[in-house]
Amino acid sequence: ARTLTFSGDMWDKYEKGLFEKYQNMGIPQEVYERSLTYG
């Protein structure tokens, strides 16, 4: 979505809050990073 739209600044702000929610879910760090890489 970020790549195909223009407003990267809107995604910067949104993704910061979005992924903080996942970081607070108790996902092990290596699983968290591996999942982002796979995505």
PDB file of all heavy atoms in Angstrom:
ATOM      1  N   ALA A   1       0.826  -1.210   0.000  1.00  0.00           N
ATOM      2  CA  ALA A   1       0.000   0.000   0.000  1.00  0.00           C
ATOM      3  C   ALA A   1       0.860   1.259   0.000  1.00  0.00           C
ATOM      4  O   ALA A   1       0.589   2.220  -0.725  1.00  0.00           O
ATOM      5  CB  ALA A   1      -0.928  -0.012   1.214  1.00  0.00           C
ATOM      6  N   ARG A   2       1.906   1.267   0.815  1.00  0.00           N
ATOM      7  CA  ARG A   2       2.818   2.412   0.851  1.00  0.00           C
ATOM      8  C   ARG A   2       3.476   2.633  -0.507  1.00  0.00           C
ATOM      9  O   ARG A   2       3.590   3.770  -0.983  1.00  0.00           O
ATOM     10  CB  ARG A   2       3.889   2.169   1.912  1.00  0.00           C
ATOM     11  CG  ARG A   2       5.054   3.150   1.867  1.00  0.00           C
ATOM     12  CD  ARG A   2       6.196   2.673   2.732  1.00  0.00           C
ATOM     13  NE  ARG A   2       5.933   2.872   4.138  1.00  0.00           N
ATOM     14  CZ  ARG A   2       6.225   4.010   4.783  1.00  0.00           C
ATOM     15  NH1 ARG A   2       6.765   5.026   4.144  1.00  0.00           N
ATOM     16  NH2 ARG A   2       5.992   4.107   6.067  1.00  0.00           N
ATOM     17  N   THR A   3       3.897   1.555  -1.146  1.00  0.00           N
ATOM     18  CA  THR A   3       4.603   1.659  -2.422  1.00  0.00           C
ATOM     19  C   THR A   3       3.701   2.194  -3.531  1.00  0.00           C
ATOM     20  O   THR A   3       4.144   2.965  -4.389  1.00  0.00           O
ATOM     21  CB  THR A   3       5.169   0.285  -2.832  1.00  0.00           C
ATOM     22  OG1 THR A   3       6.026  -0.190  -1.786  1.00  0.00           O
ATOM     23  CG2 THR A   3       5.961   0.377  -4.124  1.00  0.00           C
ATOM     24  N   LEU A   4       2.432   1.801  -3.520  1.00  0.00           N
ATOM     25  CA  LEU A   4       1.530   2.155  -4.608  1.00  0.00           C
ATOM     26  C   LEU A   4       0.787   3.468  -4.389  1.00  0.00           C
ATOM     27  O   LEU A   4       0.074   3.934  -5.279  1.00  0.00           O
ATOM     28  CB  LEU A   4       0.521   1.024  -4.840  1.00  0.00           C
ATOM     29  CG  LEU A   4       1.119  -0.324  -5.262  1.00  0.00           C
ATOM     30  CD1 LEU A   4       0.013  -1.339  -5.511  1.00  0.00           C
ATOM     31  CD2 LEU A   4       1.995  -0.189  -6.494  1.00  0.00           C
ATOM     32  N   THR A   5       0.941   4.073  -3.214  1.00  0.00           N
ATOM     33  CA  THR A   5       0.351   5.383  -2.955  1.00  0.00           C
ATOM     34  C   THR A   5       1.458   6.429  -2.879  1.00  0.00           C
ATOM     35  O   THR A   5       2.637   6.104  -2.974  1.00  0.00           O
ATOM     36  CB  THR A   5      -0.486   5.365  -1.664  1.00  0.00           C
ATOM     37  OG1 THR A   5       0.311   4.869  -0.575  1.00  0.00           O
ATOM     38  CG2 THR A   5      -1.717   4.474  -1.819  1.00  0.00           C
ATOM     39  N   PHE A   6       1.059   7.678  -2.684  1.00  0.00           N
ATOM     40  CA  PHE A   6       2.025   8.775  -2.711  1.00  0.00           C
ATOM     41  C   PHE A   6       2.495   9.230  -1.325  1.00  0.00           C
ATOM     42  O   PHE A   6       3.641   9.641  -1.160  1.00  0.00           O
ATOM     43  CB  PHE A   6       1.424   9.992  -3.424  1.00  0.00           C
ATOM     44  CG  PHE A   6       1.055   9.740  -4.865  1.00  0.00           C
ATOM     45  CD1 PHE A   6      -0.073  10.342  -5.411  1.00  0.00           C
ATOM     46  CD2 PHE A   6       1.813   8.906  -5.675  1.00  0.00           C
ATOM     47  CE1 PHE A   6      -0.418  10.124  -6.738  1.00  0.00           C
ATOM     48  CE2 PHE A   6       1.476   8.682  -6.995  1.00  0.00           C
ATOM     49  CZ  PHE A   6       0.347   9.293  -7.531  1.00  0.00           C
ATOM     50  N   SER A   7       1.599   9.193  -0.355  1.00  0.00           N
ATOM     51  CA  SER A   7       1.844   9.869   0.920  1.00  0.00           C
ATOM     52  C   SER A   7       2.589   8.993   1.915  1.00  0.00           C
ATOM     53  O   SER A   7       2.003   8.476   2.878  1.00  0.00           O
ATOM     54  CB  SER A   7       0.521  10.350   1.509  1.00  0.00           C
ATOM     55  OG  SER A   7      -0.092  11.276   0.628  1.00  0.00           O
ATOM     56  N   GLY A   8       3.885   8.857   1.714  1.00  0.00           N
ATOM     57  CA  GLY A   8       4.707   8.066   2.617  1.00  0.00           C
ATOM     58  C   GLY A   8       4.700   8.584   4.030  1.00  0.00           C
ATOM     59  O   GLY A   8       4.792   7.807   4.994  1.00  0.00           O
ATOM     60  N   ASP A   9       4.554   9.906   4.193  1.00  0.00           N
ATOM     61  CA  ASP A   9       4.538  10.474   5.539  1.00  0.00           C
ATOM     62  C   ASP A   9       3.325  10.005   6.328  1.00  0.00           C
ATOM     63  O   ASP A   9       3.406   9.806   7.545  1.00  0.00           O
ATOM     64  CB  ASP A   9       4.563  12.006   5.458  1.00  0.00           C
ATOM     65  CG  ASP A   9       3.406  12.575   4.650  1.00  0.00           C
ATOM     66  OD1 ASP A   9       2.963  11.909   3.689  1.00  0.00           O
ATOM     67  OD2 ASP A   9       2.951  13.689   4.961  1.00  0.00           O
ATOM     68  N   MET A  10       2.211   9.789   5.633  1.00  0.00           N
ATOM     69  CA  MET A  10       1.022   9.271   6.317  1.00  0.00           C
ATOM     70  C   MET A  10       1.272   7.847   6.812  1.00  0.00           C
ATOM     71  O   MET A  10       0.848   7.474   7.905  1.00  0.00           O
ATOM     72  CB  MET A  10      -0.190   9.307   5.385  1.00  0.00           C
ATOM     73  CG  MET A  10      -0.677  10.711   5.049  1.00  0.00           C
ATOM     74  SD  MET A  10      -2.133  10.716   3.971  1.00  0.00           S
ATOM     75  CE  MET A  10      -3.404  10.056   5.079  1.00  0.00           C
ATOM     76  N   TRP A  11       1.969   7.061   6.004  1.00  0.00           N
ATOM     77  CA  TRP A  11       2.270   5.687   6.408  1.00  0.00           C
ATOM     78  C   TRP A  11       3.309   5.646   7.522  1.00  0.00           C
ATOM     79  O   TRP A  11       3.250   4.795   8.405  1.00  0.00           O
ATOM     80  CB  TRP A  11       2.744   4.873   5.207  1.00  0.00           C
ATOM     81  CG  TRP A  11       1.628   4.536   4.271  1.00  0.00           C
ATOM     82  CD1 TRP A  11       1.411   5.029   3.014  1.00  0.00           C
ATOM     83  CD2 TRP A  11       0.543   3.630   4.525  1.00  0.00           C
ATOM     84  NE1 TRP A  11       0.266   4.490   2.475  1.00  0.00           N
ATOM     85  CE2 TRP A  11      -0.280   3.621   3.368  1.00  0.00           C
ATOM     86  CE3 TRP A  11       0.195   2.827   5.609  1.00  0.00           C
ATOM     87  CZ2 TRP A  11      -1.432   2.843   3.289  1.00  0.00           C
ATOM     88  CZ3 TRP A  11      -0.954   2.047   5.525  1.00  0.00           C
ATOM     89  CH2 TRP A  11      -1.755   2.064   4.379  1.00  0.00           C
ATOM     90  N   ASP A  12       4.263   6.566   7.504  1.00  0.00           N
ATOM     91  CA  ASP A  12       5.267   6.620   8.576  1.00  0.00           C
ATOM     92  C   ASP A  12       4.591   6.736   9.936  1.00  0.00           C
ATOM     93  O   ASP A  12       4.887   5.975  10.870  1.00  0.00           O
ATOM     94  CB  ASP A  12       6.199   7.822   8.382  1.00  0.00           C
ATOM     95  CG  ASP A  12       7.150   7.651   7.215  1.00  0.00           C
ATOM     96  OD1 ASP A  12       7.370   6.505   6.796  1.00  0.00           O
ATOM     97  OD2 ASP A  12       7.661   8.668   6.717  1.00  0.00           O
ATOM     98  N   LYS A  13       3.680   7.658  10.041  1.00  0.00           N
ATOM     99  CA  LYS A  13       3.001   7.909  11.301  1.00  0.00           C
ATOM    100  C   LYS A  13       2.125   6.722  11.689  1.00  0.00           C
ATOM    101  O   LYS A  13       2.121   6.279  12.840  1.00  0.00           O
ATOM    102  CB  LYS A  13       2.154   9.182  11.188  1.00  0.00           C
ATOM    103  CG  LYS A  13       1.405   9.544  12.453  1.00  0.00           C
ATOM    104  CD  LYS A  13       0.609  10.826  12.263  1.00  0.00           C
ATOM    105  CE  LYS A  13      -0.164  11.176  13.537  1.00  0.00           C
ATOM    106  NZ  LYS A  13      -0.962  12.421  13.358  1.00  0.00           N
ATOM    107  N   TYR A  14       1.377   6.206  10.721  1.00  0.00           N
ATOM    108  CA  TYR A  14       0.447   5.121  11.030  1.00  0.00           C
ATOM    109  C   TYR A  14       1.180   3.836  11.412  1.00  0.00           C
ATOM    110  O   TYR A  14       0.828   3.173  12.399  1.00  0.00           O
ATOM    111  CB  TYR A  14      -0.466   4.849   9.833  1.00  0.00           C
ATOM    112  CG  TYR A  14      -1.477   3.760  10.123  1.00  0.00           C
ATOM    113  CD1 TYR A  14      -2.612   4.035  10.864  1.00  0.00           C
ATOM    114  CD2 TYR A  14      -1.260   2.453   9.692  1.00  0.00           C
ATOM    115  CE1 TYR A  14      -3.531   3.046  11.173  1.00  0.00           C
ATOM    116  CE2 TYR A  14      -2.176   1.450   9.995  1.00  0.00           C
ATOM    117  CZ  TYR A  14      -3.308   1.747  10.734  1.00  0.00           C
ATOM    118  OH  TYR A  14      -4.203   0.755  11.034  1.00  0.00           O
ATOM    119  N   GLU A  15       2.191   3.475  10.633  1.00  0.00           N
ATOM    120  CA  GLU A  15       2.897   2.223  10.898  1.00  0.00           C
ATOM    121  C   GLU A  15       3.613   2.242  12.248  1.00  0.00           C
ATOM    122  O   GLU A  15       3.723   1.204  12.913  1.00  0.00           O
ATOM    123  CB  GLU A  15       3.897   1.933   9.777  1.00  0.00           C
ATOM    124  CG  GLU A  15       3.244   1.450   8.492  1.00  0.00           C
ATOM    125  CD  GLU A  15       4.261   1.058   7.451  1.00  0.00           C
ATOM    126  OE1 GLU A  15       4.999   1.960   6.984  1.00  0.00           O
ATOM    127  OE2 GLU A  15       4.335  -0.133   7.111  1.00  0.00           O
ATOM    128  N   LYS A  16       4.086   3.399  12.666  1.00  0.00           N
ATOM    129  CA  LYS A  16       4.762   3.486  13.963  1.00  0.00           C
ATOM    130  C   LYS A  16       3.832   3.008  15.083  1.00  0.00           C
ATOM    131  O   LYS A  16       4.197   2.162  15.910  1.00  0.00           O
ATOM    132  CB  LYS A  16       5.228   4.920  14.226  1.00  0.00           C
ATOM    133  CG  LYS A  16       6.011   5.095  15.524  1.00  0.00           C
ATOM    134  CD  LYS A  16       6.477   6.546  15.669  1.00  0.00           C
ATOM    135  CE  LYS A  16       7.344   6.726  16.907  1.00  0.00           C
ATOM    136  NZ  LYS A  16       6.599   6.461  18.157  1.00  0.00           N
ATOM    137  N   GLY A  17       2.620   3.529  15.084  1.00  0.00           N
ATOM    138  CA  GLY A  17       1.657   3.130  16.104  1.00  0.00           C
ATOM    139  C   GLY A  17       1.170   1.704  15.914  1.00  0.00           C
ATOM    140  O   GLY A  17       0.979   0.966  16.896  1.00  0.00           O
ATOM    141  N   LEU A  18       1.000   1.294  14.655  1.00  0.00           N
ATOM    142  CA  LEU A  18       0.497  -0.054  14.359  1.00  0.00           C
ATOM    143  C   LEU A  18       1.447  -1.124  14.876  1.00  0.00           C
ATOM    144  O   LEU A  18       1.044  -2.048  15.598  1.00  0.00           O
ATOM    145  CB  LEU A  18       0.289  -0.211  12.854  1.00  0.00           C
ATOM    146  CG  LEU A  18      -0.105  -1.607  12.363  1.00  0.00           C
ATOM    147  CD1 LEU A  18      -1.491  -1.981  12.875  1.00  0.00           C
ATOM    148  CD2 LEU A  18      -0.052  -1.672  10.837  1.00  0.00           C
ATOM    149  N   PHE A  19       2.719  -1.015  14.514  1.00  0.00           N
ATOM    150  CA  PHE A  19       3.660  -2.065  14.871  1.00  0.00           C
ATOM    151  C   PHE A  19       4.069  -2.035  16.342  1.00  0.00           C
ATOM    152  O   PHE A  19       4.518  -3.045  16.890  1.00  0.00           O
ATOM    153  CB  PHE A  19       4.867  -2.043  13.935  1.00  0.00           C
ATOM    154  CG  PHE A  19       4.485  -2.449  12.529  1.00  0.00           C
ATOM    155  CD1 PHE A  19       4.572  -1.552  11.482  1.00  0.00           C
ATOM    156  CD2 PHE A  19       4.014  -3.732  12.272  1.00  0.00           C
ATOM    157  CE1 PHE A  19       4.190  -1.923  10.194  1.00  0.00           C
ATOM    158  CE2 PHE A  19       3.634  -4.108  10.989  1.00  0.00           C
ATOM    159  CZ  PHE A  19       3.716  -3.203   9.951  1.00  0.00           C
ATOM    160  N   GLU A  20       3.874  -0.893  17.004  1.00  0.00           N
ATOM    161  CA  GLU A  20       4.072  -0.861  18.453  1.00  0.00           C
ATOM    162  C   GLU A  20       3.057  -1.776  19.139  1.00  0.00           C
ATOM    163  O   GLU A  20       3.358  -2.398  20.163  1.00  0.00           O
ATOM    164  CB  GLU A  20       3.932   0.572  18.970  1.00  0.00           C
ATOM    165  CG  GLU A  20       5.171   1.416  18.751  1.00  0.00           C
ATOM    166  CD  GLU A  20       4.983   2.845  19.245  1.00  0.00           C
ATOM    167  OE1 GLU A  20       3.863   3.173  19.714  1.00  0.00           O
ATOM    168  OE2 GLU A  20       5.953   3.637  19.165  1.00  0.00           O
ATOM    169  N   LYS A  21       1.857  -1.849  18.581  1.00  0.00           N
ATOM    170  CA  LYS A  21       0.829  -2.733  19.147  1.00  0.00           C
ATOM    171  C   LYS A  21       1.283  -4.190  19.082  1.00  0.00           C
ATOM    172  O   LYS A  21       1.104  -4.953  20.030  1.00  0.00           O
ATOM    173  CB  LYS A  21      -0.487  -2.555  18.410  1.00  0.00           C
ATOM    174  CG  LYS A  21      -1.125  -1.182  18.591  1.00  0.00           C
ATOM    175  CD  LYS A  21      -2.393  -1.045  17.761  1.00  0.00           C
ATOM    176  CE  LYS A  21      -2.986   0.350  17.910  1.00  0.00           C
ATOM    177  NZ  LYS A  21      -4.205   0.522  17.077  1.00  0.00           N
ATOM    178  N   TYR A  22       1.886  -4.574  17.975  1.00  0.00           N
ATOM    179  CA  TYR A  22       2.360  -5.956  17.837  1.00  0.00           C
ATOM    180  C   TYR A  22       3.564  -6.214  18.748  1.00  0.00           C
ATOM    181  O   TYR A  22       3.719  -7.308  19.293  1.00  0.00           O
ATOM    182  CB  TYR A  22       2.726  -6.251  16.384  1.00  0.00           C
ATOM    183  CG  TYR A  22       1.517  -6.378  15.487  1.00  0.00           C
ATOM    184  CD1 TYR A  22       1.036  -5.290  14.772  1.00  0.00           C
ATOM    185  CD2 TYR A  22       0.847  -7.592  15.365  1.00  0.00           C
ATOM    186  CE1 TYR A  22      -0.076  -5.400  13.950  1.00  0.00           C
ATOM    187  CE2 TYR A  22      -0.269  -7.717  14.552  1.00  0.00           C
ATOM    188  CZ  TYR A  22      -0.727  -6.614  13.849  1.00  0.00           C
ATOM    189  OH  TYR A  22      -1.846  -6.725  13.047  1.00  0.00           O
ATOM    190  N   GLN A  23       4.406  -5.196  18.919  1.00  0.00           N
ATOM    191  CA  GLN A  23       5.570  -5.363  19.792  1.00  0.00           C
ATOM    192  C   GLN A  23       5.161  -5.598  21.246  1.00  0.00           C
ATOM    193  O   GLN A  23       5.915  -6.195  22.009  1.00  0.00           O
ATOM    194  CB  GLN A  23       6.463  -4.119  19.692  1.00  0.00           C
ATOM    195  CG  GLN A  23       7.245  -4.032  18.391  1.00  0.00           C
ATOM    196  CD  GLN A  23       8.039  -2.746  18.287  1.00  0.00           C
ATOM    197  OE1 GLN A  23       7.623  -1.704  18.790  1.00  0.00           O
ATOM    198  NE2 GLN A  23       9.193  -2.810  17.633  1.00  0.00           N
ATOM    199  N   ASN A  24       3.964  -5.152  21.573  1.00  0.00           N
ATOM    200  CA  ASN A  24       3.482  -5.305  22.948  1.00  0.00           C
ATOM    201  C   ASN A  24       2.627  -6.553  23.138  1.00  0.00           C
ATOM    202  O   ASN A  24       1.956  -6.691  24.173  1.00  0.00           O
ATOM    203  CB  ASN A  24       2.684  -4.063  23.365  1.00  0.00           C
ATOM    204  CG  ASN A  24       3.555  -2.825  23.471  1.00  0.00           C
ATOM    205  OD1 ASN A  24       4.716  -2.925  23.871  1.00  0.00           O
ATOM    206  ND2 ASN A  24       3.014  -1.684  23.108  1.00  0.00           N
ATOM    207  N   MET A  25       2.644  -7.448  22.175  1.00  0.00           N
ATOM    208  CA  MET A  25       1.815  -8.656  22.255  1.00  0.00           C
ATOM    209  C   MET A  25       2.556  -9.869  22.787  1.00  0.00           C
ATOM    210  O   MET A  25       2.016 -10.974  22.800  1.00  0.00           O
ATOM    211  CB  MET A  25       1.248  -8.989  20.870  1.00  0.00           C
ATOM    212  CG  MET A  25       0.185  -8.026  20.384  1.00  0.00           C
ATOM    213  SD  MET A  25      -0.430  -8.488  18.752  1.00  0.00           S
ATOM    214  CE  MET A  25      -1.583  -7.139  18.432  1.00  0.00           C
ATOM    215  N   GLY A  26       3.792  -9.681  23.189  1.00  0.00           N
ATOM    216  CA  GLY A  26       4.554 -10.800  23.718  1.00  0.00           C
ATOM    217  C   GLY A  26       5.160 -11.695  22.658  1.00  0.00           C
ATOM    218  O   GLY A  26       5.499 -12.856  22.926  1.00  0.00           O
ATOM    219  N   ILE A  27       5.312 -11.154  21.454  1.00  0.00           N
ATOM    220  CA  ILE A  27       5.948 -11.921  20.378  1.00  0.00           C
ATOM    221  C   ILE A  27       7.462 -11.905  20.611  1.00  0.00           C
ATOM    222  O   ILE A  27       8.053 -10.831  20.752  1.00  0.00           O
ATOM    223  CB  ILE A  27       5.643 -11.304  19.002  1.00  0.00           C
ATOM    224  CG1 ILE A  27       4.133 -11.177  18.792  1.00  0.00           C
ATOM    225  CG2 ILE A  27       6.272 -12.119  17.877  1.00  0.00           C
ATOM    226  CD1 ILE A  27       3.750 -10.375  17.553  1.00  0.00           C
ATOM    227  N   PRO A  28       8.124 -13.051  20.667  1.00  0.00           N
ATOM    228  CA  PRO A  28       9.587 -13.064  20.820  1.00  0.00           C
ATOM    229  C   PRO A  28      10.250 -12.223  19.730  1.00  0.00           C
ATOM    230  O   PRO A  28       9.784 -12.223  18.579  1.00  0.00           O
ATOM    231  CB  PRO A  28       9.943 -14.545  20.692  1.00  0.00           C
ATOM    232  CG  PRO A  28       8.700 -15.266  21.103  1.00  0.00           C
ATOM    233  CD  PRO A  28       7.565 -14.415  20.620  1.00  0.00           C
ATOM    234  N   GLN A  29      11.334 -11.547  20.099  1.00  0.00           N
ATOM    235  CA  GLN A  29      11.960 -10.611  19.170  1.00  0.00           C
ATOM    236  C   GLN A  29      12.360 -11.268  17.863  1.00  0.00           C
ATOM    237  O   GLN A  29      12.157 -10.707  16.785  1.00  0.00           O
ATOM    238  CB  GLN A  29      13.194  -9.971  19.826  1.00  0.00           C
ATOM    239  CG  GLN A  29      13.903  -8.932  18.970  1.00  0.00           C
ATOM    240  CD  GLN A  29      13.059  -7.692  18.731  1.00  0.00           C
ATOM    241  OE1 GLN A  29      11.997  -7.517  19.329  1.00  0.00           O
ATOM    242  NE2 GLN A  29      13.537  -6.830  17.847  1.00  0.00           N
ATOM    243  N   GLU A  30      12.933 -12.478  17.943  1.00  0.00           N
ATOM    244  CA  GLU A  30      13.375 -13.122  16.702  1.00  0.00           C
ATOM    245  C   GLU A  30      12.179 -13.509  15.826  1.00  0.00           C
ATOM    246  O   GLU A  30      12.249 -13.450  14.598  1.00  0.00           O
ATOM    247  CB  GLU A  30      14.247 -14.356  17.015  1.00  0.00           C
ATOM    248  CG  GLU A  30      13.521 -15.536  17.672  1.00  0.00           C
ATOM    249  CD  GLU A  30      13.451 -15.420  19.182  1.00  0.00           C
ATOM    250  OE1 GLU A  30      13.733 -14.317  19.707  1.00  0.00           O
ATOM    251  OE2 GLU A  30      13.115 -16.440  19.830  1.00  0.00           O
ATOM    252  N   VAL A  31      11.057 -13.880  16.465  1.00  0.00           N
ATOM    253  CA  VAL A  31       9.837 -14.206  15.706  1.00  0.00           C
ATOM    254  C   VAL A  31       9.262 -12.931  15.091  1.00  0.00           C
ATOM    255  O   VAL A  31       8.813 -12.926  13.932  1.00  0.00           O
ATOM    256  CB  VAL A  31       8.794 -14.892  16.606  1.00  0.00           C
ATOM    257  CG1 VAL A  31       7.481 -15.123  15.852  1.00  0.00           C
ATOM    258  CG2 VAL A  31       9.335 -16.213  17.134  1.00  0.00           C
ATOM    259  N   TYR A  32       9.286 -11.861  15.861  1.00  0.00           N
ATOM    260  CA  TYR A  32       8.787 -10.566  15.379  1.00  0.00           C
ATOM    261  C   TYR A  32       9.536 -10.124  14.119  1.00  0.00           C
ATOM    262  O   TYR A  32       8.936  -9.801  13.087  1.00  0.00           O
ATOM    263  CB  TYR A  32       8.934  -9.521  16.487  1.00  0.00           C
ATOM    264  CG  TYR A  32       8.465  -8.138  16.111  1.00  0.00           C
ATOM    265  CD1 TYR A  32       7.138  -7.780  16.246  1.00  0.00           C
ATOM    266  CD2 TYR A  32       9.372  -7.192  15.627  1.00  0.00           C
ATOM    267  CE1 TYR A  32       6.704  -6.500  15.903  1.00  0.00           C
ATOM    268  CE2 TYR A  32       8.958  -5.917  15.279  1.00  0.00           C
ATOM    269  CZ  TYR A  32       7.617  -5.579  15.414  1.00  0.00           C
ATOM    270  OH  TYR A  32       7.198  -4.318  15.070  1.00  0.00           O
ATOM    271  N   GLU A  33      10.854 -10.135  14.206  1.00  0.00           N
ATOM    272  CA  GLU A  33      11.668  -9.695  13.069  1.00  0.00           C
ATOM    273  C   GLU A  33      11.540 -10.651  11.885  1.00  0.00           C
ATOM    274  O   GLU A  33      11.481 -10.216  10.726  1.00  0.00           O
ATOM    275  CB  GLU A  33      13.122  -9.572  13.512  1.00  0.00           C
ATOM    276  CG  GLU A  33      13.345  -8.454  14.529  1.00  0.00           C
ATOM    277  CD  GLU A  33      14.784  -8.397  15.026  1.00  0.00           C
ATOM    278  OE1 GLU A  33      15.578  -9.281  14.640  1.00  0.00           O
ATOM    279  OE2 GLU A  33      15.096  -7.476  15.813  1.00  0.00           O
ATOM    280  N   ARG A  34      11.486 -11.931  12.161  1.00  0.00           N
ATOM    281  CA  ARG A  34      11.351 -12.923  11.086  1.00  0.00           C
ATOM    282  C   ARG A  34      10.015 -12.754  10.358  1.00  0.00           C
ATOM    283  O   ARG A  34       9.929 -12.882   9.127  1.00  0.00           O
ATOM    284  CB  ARG A  34      11.468 -14.326  11.675  1.00  0.00           C
ATOM    285  CG  ARG A  34      11.448 -15.441  10.631  1.00  0.00           C
ATOM    286  CD  ARG A  34      11.468 -16.816  11.295  1.00  0.00           C
ATOM    287  NE  ARG A  34      12.623 -16.961  12.173  1.00  0.00           N
ATOM    288  CZ  ARG A  34      12.553 -17.280  13.450  1.00  0.00           C
ATOM    289  NH1 ARG A  34      11.368 -17.526  14.019  1.00  0.00           N
ATOM    290  NH2 ARG A  34      13.639 -17.397  14.179  1.00  0.00           N
ATOM    291  N   SER A  35       8.981 -12.457  11.102  1.00  0.00           N
ATOM    292  CA  SER A  35       7.651 -12.285  10.518  1.00  0.00           C
ATOM    293  C   SER A  35       7.591 -11.047   9.626  1.00  0.00           C
ATOM    294  O   SER A  35       7.000 -11.074   8.541  1.00  0.00           O
ATOM    295  CB  SER A  35       6.602 -12.191  11.628  1.00  0.00           C
ATOM    296  OG  SER A  35       6.624 -13.351  12.436  1.00  0.00           O
ATOM    297  N   LEU A  36       8.213  -9.961  10.109  1.00  0.00           N
ATOM    298  CA  LEU A  36       8.275  -8.751   9.278  1.00  0.00           C
ATOM    299  C   LEU A  36       9.043  -9.018   7.993  1.00  0.00           C
ATOM    300  O   LEU A  36       8.644  -8.573   6.905  1.00  0.00           O
ATOM    301  CB  LEU A  36       8.936  -7.612  10.052  1.00  0.00           C
ATOM    302  CG  LEU A  36       8.180  -7.032  11.244  1.00  0.00           C
ATOM    303  CD1 LEU A  36       8.986  -5.894  11.869  1.00  0.00           C
ATOM    304  CD2 LEU A  36       6.801  -6.530  10.833  1.00  0.00           C
ATOM    305  N   THR A  37      10.138  -9.754   8.110  1.00  0.00           N
ATOM    306  CA  THR A  37      10.944 -10.074   6.927  1.00  0.00           C
ATOM    307  C   THR A  37      10.144 -10.918   5.940  1.00  0.00           C
ATOM    308  O   THR A  37      10.201 -10.702   4.717  1.00  0.00           O
ATOM    309  CB  THR A  37      12.220 -10.818   7.339  1.00  0.00           C
ATOM    310  OG1 THR A  37      12.996  -9.985   8.210  1.00  0.00           O
ATOM    311  CG2 THR A  37      13.069 -11.190   6.125  1.00  0.00           C
ATOM    312  N   TYR A  38       9.387 -11.880   6.476  1.00  0.00           N
ATOM    313  CA  TYR A  38       8.576 -12.710   5.586  1.00  0.00           C
ATOM    314  C   TYR A  38       7.482 -11.876   4.905  1.00  0.00           C
ATOM    315  O   TYR A  38       7.237 -12.009   3.708  1.00  0.00           O
ATOM    316  CB  TYR A  38       7.932 -13.874   6.339  1.00  0.00           C
ATOM    317  CG  TYR A  38       7.092 -14.731   5.420  1.00  0.00           C
ATOM    318  CD1 TYR A  38       7.667 -15.428   4.360  1.00  0.00           C
ATOM    319  CD2 TYR A  38       5.717 -14.804   5.579  1.00  0.00           C
ATOM    320  CE1 TYR A  38       6.901 -16.179   3.496  1.00  0.00           C
ATOM    321  CE2 TYR A  38       4.934 -15.560   4.713  1.00  0.00           C
ATOM    322  CZ  TYR A  38       5.535 -16.245   3.666  1.00  0.00           C
ATOM    323  OH  TYR A  38       4.772 -16.989   2.797  1.00  0.00           O
ATOM    324  N   GLY A  39       6.850 -11.001   5.663  1.00  0.00           N
ATOM    325  CA  GLY A  39       5.838 -10.125   5.069  1.00  0.00           C
ATOM    326  C   GLY A  39       6.407  -9.281   3.953  1.00  0.00           C
ATOM    327  O   GLY A  39       5.786  -9.099   2.898  1.00  0.00           O
TER     328      GLY A  39
END
